[in-house]
PDB file of N, CA and C in Angstrom:
ATOM      1  N   MET A   1      22.168  15.306  19.396  1.00  0.00           N
ATOM      2  CA  MET A   1      21.179  16.439  19.460  1.00  0.00           C
ATOM      3  C   MET A   1      19.993  14.669  19.802  1.00  0.00           C
ATOM      4  N   PRO A   2      20.051  15.376  20.793  1.00  0.00           N
ATOM      5  CA  PRO A   2      18.544  13.955  22.182  1.00  0.00           C
ATOM      6  C   PRO A   2      17.292  14.526  21.040  1.00  0.00           C
ATOM      7  N   LEU A   3      17.033  13.371  22.298  1.00  0.00           N
ATOM      8  CA  LEU A   3      15.826  12.774  21.356  1.00  0.00           C
ATOM      9  C   LEU A   3      15.210  13.035  22.105  1.00  0.00           C
ATOM     10  N   LYS A   4      13.761  14.405  22.188  1.00  0.00           N
ATOM     11  CA  LYS A   4      12.955  14.778  22.547  1.00  0.00           C
ATOM     12  C   LYS A   4      12.071  14.227  22.774  1.00  0.00           C
ATOM     13  N   ILE A   5      10.662  13.830  24.176  1.00  0.00           N
ATOM     14  CA  ILE A   5       9.921  12.899  23.578  1.00  0.00           C
ATOM     15  C   ILE A   5       8.456  14.366  24.383  1.00  0.00           C
ATOM     16  N   THR A   6       8.500  14.096  23.068  1.00  0.00           N
ATOM     17  CA  THR A   6       6.826  14.449  23.290  1.00  0.00           C
ATOM     18  C   THR A   6       5.800  14.196  22.921  1.00  0.00           C
ATOM     19  N   PRO A   7       4.686  14.190  23.629  1.00  0.00           N
ATOM     20  CA  PRO A   7       3.375  13.570  23.136  1.00  0.00           C
ATOM     21  C   PRO A   7       3.213  13.290  21.544  1.00  0.00           C
ATOM     22  N   ALA A   8       3.694  13.869  20.844  1.00  0.00           N
ATOM     23  CA  ALA A   8       3.517  13.144  19.742  1.00  0.00           C
ATOM     24  C   ALA A   8       3.952  12.407  18.839  1.00  0.00           C
ATOM     25  N   SER A   9       5.520  12.339  20.002  1.00  0.00           N
ATOM     26  CA  SER A   9       6.391  11.082  19.515  1.00  0.00           C
ATOM     27  C   SER A   9       6.208  10.050  19.413  1.00  0.00           C
ATOM     28  N   PHE A  10       5.350   9.774  20.682  1.00  0.00           N
ATOM     29  CA  PHE A  10       4.921   9.040  21.672  1.00  0.00           C
ATOM     30  C   PHE A  10       4.528   8.262  20.989  1.00  0.00           C
ATOM     31  N   LEU A  11       3.425   9.159  20.329  1.00  0.00           N
ATOM     32  CA  LEU A  11       1.974   8.991  19.928  1.00  0.00           C
ATOM     33  C   LEU A  11       2.390   7.426  19.020  1.00  0.00           C
ATOM     34  N   ILE A  12       3.199   8.732  17.806  1.00  0.00           N
ATOM     35  CA  ILE A  12       3.695   8.078  17.075  1.00  0.00           C
ATOM     36  C   ILE A  12       4.082   6.390  17.219  1.00  0.00           C
ATOM     37  N   PHE A  13       5.186   6.552  17.948  1.00  0.00           N
ATOM     38  CA  PHE A  13       6.147   5.701  18.452  1.00  0.00           C
ATOM     39  C   PHE A  13       5.660   4.513  18.818  1.00  0.00           C
ATOM     40  N   ILE A  14       3.591   4.378  19.321  1.00  0.00           N
ATOM     41  CA  ILE A  14       2.376   4.007  19.622  1.00  0.00           C
ATOM     42  C   ILE A  14       2.061   2.355  17.913  1.00  0.00           C
ATOM     43  N   VAL A  15       1.796   3.616  17.898  1.00  0.00           N
ATOM     44  CA  VAL A  15       1.324   3.460  16.242  1.00  0.00           C
ATOM     45  C   VAL A  15       2.199   2.998  15.370  1.00  0.00           C
ATOM     46  N   LEU A  16       3.684   2.852  15.276  1.00  0.00           N
ATOM     47  CA  LEU A  16       3.457   2.823  14.750  1.00  0.00           C
ATOM     48  C   LEU A  16       4.566   0.946  15.305  1.00  0.00           C
ATOM     49  N   SER A  17       4.753   0.806  16.732  1.00  0.00           N
ATOM     50  CA  SER A  17       5.367  -0.271  17.385  1.00  0.00           C
ATOM     51  C   SER A  17       3.437  -1.497  16.676  1.00  0.00           C
ATOM     52  N   PHE A  18       2.982  -0.505  16.781  1.00  0.00           N
ATOM     53  CA  PHE A  18       1.221  -1.880  16.481  1.00  0.00           C
ATOM     54  C   PHE A  18       1.093  -1.056  15.410  1.00  0.00           C
ATOM     55  N   LEU A  19       1.419  -1.035  14.124  1.00  0.00           N
ATOM     56  CA  LEU A  19       1.660  -1.191  12.612  1.00  0.00           C
ATOM     57  C   LEU A  19       2.037  -1.891  12.800  1.00  0.00           C
ATOM     58  N   TYR A  20       3.492  -2.703  13.446  1.00  0.00           N
ATOM     59  CA  TYR A  20       5.338  -3.388  13.198  1.00  0.00           C
ATOM     60  C   TYR A  20       4.274  -4.540  13.832  1.00  0.00           C
ATOM     61  N   LYS A  21       2.947  -5.225  15.199  1.00  0.00           N
ATOM     62  CA  LYS A  21       3.410  -5.967  14.939  1.00  0.00           C
ATOM     63  C   LYS A  21       1.728  -6.726  14.202  1.00  0.00           C
ATOM     64  N   THR A  22       1.510  -5.619  13.784  1.00  0.00           N
ATOM     65  CA  THR A  22      -0.132  -6.027  12.504  1.00  0.00           C
ATOM     66  C   THR A  22       0.831  -6.816  11.667  1.00  0.00           C
ATOM     67  N   VAL A  23       1.545  -6.090  11.577  1.00  0.00           N
ATOM     68  CA  VAL A  23       1.737  -6.682   9.541  1.00  0.00           C
ATOM     69  C   VAL A  23       2.428  -7.979  10.370  1.00  0.00           C
ATOM     70  N   TRP A  24       3.018  -7.970  10.612  1.00  0.00           N
ATOM     71  CA  TRP A  24       3.731  -9.233  11.652  1.00  0.00           C
ATOM     72  C   TRP A  24       3.464 -10.628  11.411  1.00  0.00           C
ATOM     73  N   LEU A  25       2.142 -10.751  12.481  1.00  0.00           N
ATOM     74  CA  LEU A  25       1.269 -11.452  12.432  1.00  0.00           C
ATOM     75  C   LEU A  25       0.048 -11.549  11.300  1.00  0.00           C
ATOM     76  N   TRP A  26       0.279 -10.911  10.820  1.00  0.00           N
ATOM     77  CA  TRP A  26      -0.689 -11.160   9.469  1.00  0.00           C
ATOM     78  C   TRP A  26       0.042 -11.734   8.285  1.00  0.00           C
ATOM     79  N   LEU A  27       1.998 -10.938   8.636  1.00  0.00           N
ATOM     80  CA  LEU A  27       2.302 -11.486   8.132  1.00  0.00           C
ATOM     81  C   LEU A  27       2.713 -13.168   7.720  1.00  0.00           C
ATOM     82  N   SER A  28       3.086 -13.783   9.261  1.00  0.00           N
ATOM     83  CA  SER A  28       3.238 -14.713   9.918  1.00  0.00           C
ATOM     84  C   SER A  28       1.841 -16.018   9.721  1.00  0.00           C
ATOM     85  N   ARG A  29       0.899 -14.935   9.342  1.00  0.00           N
ATOM     86  CA  ARG A  29      -0.424 -16.040   9.176  1.00  0.00           C
ATOM     87  C   ARG A  29      -0.306 -16.326   7.399  1.00  0.00           C
ATOM     88  N   ILE A  30       0.128 -15.580   6.514  1.00  0.00           N
ATOM     89  CA  ILE A  30       0.420 -15.706   5.313  1.00  0.00           C
ATOM     90  C   ILE A  30       1.455 -17.252   5.011  1.00  0.00           C
ATOM     91  N   THR A  31       2.500 -16.905   6.000  1.00  0.00           N
ATOM     92  CA  THR A  31       3.422 -17.346   6.172  1.00  0.00           C
ATOM     93  C   THR A  31       3.112 -18.967   6.355  1.00  0.00           C
ATOM     94  N   GLN A  32       2.853 -19.060   6.344  1.00  0.00           N
ATOM     95  CA  GLN A  32       2.467 -20.547   7.363  1.00  0.00           C
ATOM     96  C   GLN A  32       1.195 -21.099   6.463  1.00  0.00           C
ATOM     97  N   LYS A  33       0.247 -20.515   5.841  1.00  0.00           N
ATOM     98  CA  LYS A  33      -0.562 -20.898   4.243  1.00  0.00           C
ATOM     99  C   LYS A  33      -0.022 -20.931   3.891  1.00  0.00           C
ATOM    100  N   LEU A  34       0.815 -20.667   2.684  1.00  0.00           N
ATOM    101  CA  LEU A  34       1.699 -21.211   1.952  1.00  0.00           C
ATOM    102  C   LEU A  34       2.431 -22.673   1.332  1.00  0.00           C
ATOM    103  N   PRO A  35       2.145 -22.474   0.190  1.00  0.00           N
ATOM    104  CA  PRO A  35       2.839 -24.559   0.185  1.00  0.00           C
ATOM    105  C   PRO A  35       4.902 -24.100   0.002  1.00  0.00           C
ATOM    106  N   TRP A  36       5.295 -24.648   1.082  1.00  0.00           N
ATOM    107  CA  TRP A  36       5.648 -23.959   0.933  1.00  0.00           C
ATOM    108  C   TRP A  36       7.185 -25.562   0.348  1.00  0.00           C
ATOM    109  N   LYS A  37       6.181 -26.434  -0.011  1.00  0.00           N
ATOM    110  CA  LYS A  37       7.153 -27.449  -0.650  1.00  0.00           C
ATOM    111  C   LYS A  37       7.621 -27.143  -1.983  1.00  0.00           C
ATOM    112  N   ILE A  38       6.600 -26.523  -2.111  1.00  0.00           N
ATOM    113  CA  ILE A  38       6.337 -26.031  -3.787  1.00  0.00           C
ATOM    114  C   ILE A  38       7.112 -24.937  -4.250  1.00  0.00           C
ATOM    115  N   ILE A  39       7.075 -23.962  -2.751  1.00  0.00           N
ATOM    116  CA  ILE A  39       7.910 -22.995  -2.729  1.00  0.00           C
ATOM    117  C   ILE A  39       9.521 -23.107  -2.659  1.00  0.00           C
ATOM    118  N   LYS A  40       9.640 -24.106  -2.369  1.00  0.00           N
ATOM    119  CA  LYS A  40      11.178 -24.487  -2.299  1.00  0.00           C
ATOM    120  C   LYS A  40      11.329 -25.969  -3.259  1.00  0.00           C
ATOM    121  N   GLN A  41      10.759 -26.119  -3.893  1.00  0.00           N
ATOM    122  CA  GLN A  41      10.904 -27.012  -5.290  1.00  0.00           C
ATOM    123  C   GLN A  41      11.130 -25.119  -6.193  1.00  0.00           C
ATOM    124  N   LEU A  42      10.766 -24.618  -6.038  1.00  0.00           N
ATOM    125  CA  LEU A  42      10.954 -23.622  -6.830  1.00  0.00           C
ATOM    126  C   LEU A  42      12.136 -23.044  -6.870  1.00  0.00           C
ATOM    127  N   ILE A  43      12.796 -22.327  -5.418  1.00  0.00           N
ATOM    128  CA  ILE A  43      14.019 -22.000  -4.861  1.00  0.00           C
ATOM    129  C   ILE A  43      15.033 -23.044  -5.156  1.00  0.00           C
ATOM    130  N   MET A  44      14.377 -24.483  -5.004  1.00  0.00           N
ATOM    131  CA  MET A  44      16.131 -25.469  -5.426  1.00  0.00           C
ATOM    132  C   MET A  44      15.947 -25.134  -7.418  1.00  0.00           C
ATOM    133  N   LYS A  45      15.564 -24.586  -7.801  1.00  0.00           N
ATOM    134  CA  LYS A  45      15.246 -24.965  -9.168  1.00  0.00           C
ATOM    135  C   LYS A  45      16.352 -23.879  -9.642  1.00  0.00           C
ATOM    136  N   PRO A  46      17.767 -24.110 -10.599  1.00  0.00           N
ATOM    137  CA  PRO A  46      19.143 -23.989 -10.824  1.00  0.00           C
ATOM    138  C   PRO A  46      18.159 -22.232 -11.741  1.00  0.00           C
ATOM    139  N   GLY A  47      17.220 -22.382 -12.518  1.00  0.00           N
ATOM    140  CA  GLY A  47      16.604 -21.186 -13.255  1.00  0.00           C
ATOM    141  C   GLY A  47      16.834 -20.270 -12.648  1.00  0.00           C
ATOM    142  N   LEU A  48      16.130 -20.275 -11.516  1.00  0.00           N
ATOM    143  CA  LEU A  48      15.547 -19.179  -9.746  1.00  0.00           C
ATOM    144  C   LEU A  48      16.661 -18.917  -9.772  1.00  0.00           C
ATOM    145  N   VAL A  49      17.432 -19.460  -9.395  1.00  0.00           N
ATOM    146  CA  VAL A  49      19.301 -18.897  -9.024  1.00  0.00           C
ATOM    147  C   VAL A  49      19.650 -17.641  -9.382  1.00  0.00           C
ATOM    148  N   LEU A  50      20.004 -19.167 -11.007  1.00  0.00           N
ATOM    149  CA  LEU A  50      20.527 -17.444 -11.593  1.00  0.00           C
ATOM    150  C   LEU A  50      19.308 -16.340 -12.013  1.00  0.00           C
ATOM    151  N   LEU A  51      18.349 -15.940 -12.130  1.00  0.00           N
ATOM    152  CA  LEU A  51      16.615 -14.889 -12.480  1.00  0.00           C
ATOM    153  C   LEU A  51      17.616 -14.126 -11.135  1.00  0.00           C
ATOM    154  N   ILE A  52      17.769 -14.810  -9.957  1.00  0.00           N
ATOM    155  CA  ILE A  52      17.968 -13.829  -9.089  1.00  0.00           C
ATOM    156  C   ILE A  52      18.785 -13.105  -8.752  1.00  0.00           C
ATOM    157  N   ASN A  53      19.964 -13.902  -9.475  1.00  0.00           N
ATOM    158  CA  ASN A  53      21.660 -13.288  -9.161  1.00  0.00           C
ATOM    159  C   ASN A  53      21.506 -12.273 -10.167  1.00  0.00           C
ATOM    160  N   LYS A  54      20.533 -12.528 -11.473  1.00  0.00           N
ATOM    161  CA  LYS A  54      20.380 -11.076 -12.424  1.00  0.00           C
ATOM    162  C   LYS A  54      20.039 -10.526 -11.801  1.00  0.00           C
ATOM    163  N   LEU A  55      18.854 -10.562 -11.265  1.00  0.00           N
ATOM    164  CA  LEU A  55      18.855  -9.047 -10.214  1.00  0.00           C
ATOM    165  C   LEU A  55      19.185  -8.512  -9.649  1.00  0.00           C
ATOM    166  N   LEU A  56      19.720  -8.982  -8.896  1.00  0.00           N
ATOM    167  CA  LEU A  56      20.658  -8.511  -7.510  1.00  0.00           C
ATOM    168  C   LEU A  56      21.909  -7.564  -8.048  1.00  0.00           C
ATOM    169  N   LYS A  57      22.639  -7.955  -9.838  1.00  0.00           N
ATOM    170  CA  LYS A  57      23.403  -7.808 -10.095  1.00  0.00           C
ATOM    171  C   LYS A  57      23.200  -6.497 -11.139  1.00  0.00           C
ATOM    172  N   ASN A  58      22.478  -6.373 -11.996  1.00  0.00           N
ATOM    173  CA  ASN A  58      21.621  -5.378 -12.054  1.00  0.00           C
ATOM    174  C   ASN A  58      21.111  -4.458 -11.565  1.00  0.00           C
TER     175      ASN A  58
END
């Protein structure tokens, strides 16, 4: 099934790419403000790792 490029699908593509860029910028700004040292300590704690493993297995 070949993808037909209609004005509507092109417009949707532009909107989606715009949204993607905006969300990406927003996420990068948030991640820069996050206290990475604290997050790393939380990730390194074995309790959290076990909790994540349990959640993934369920």
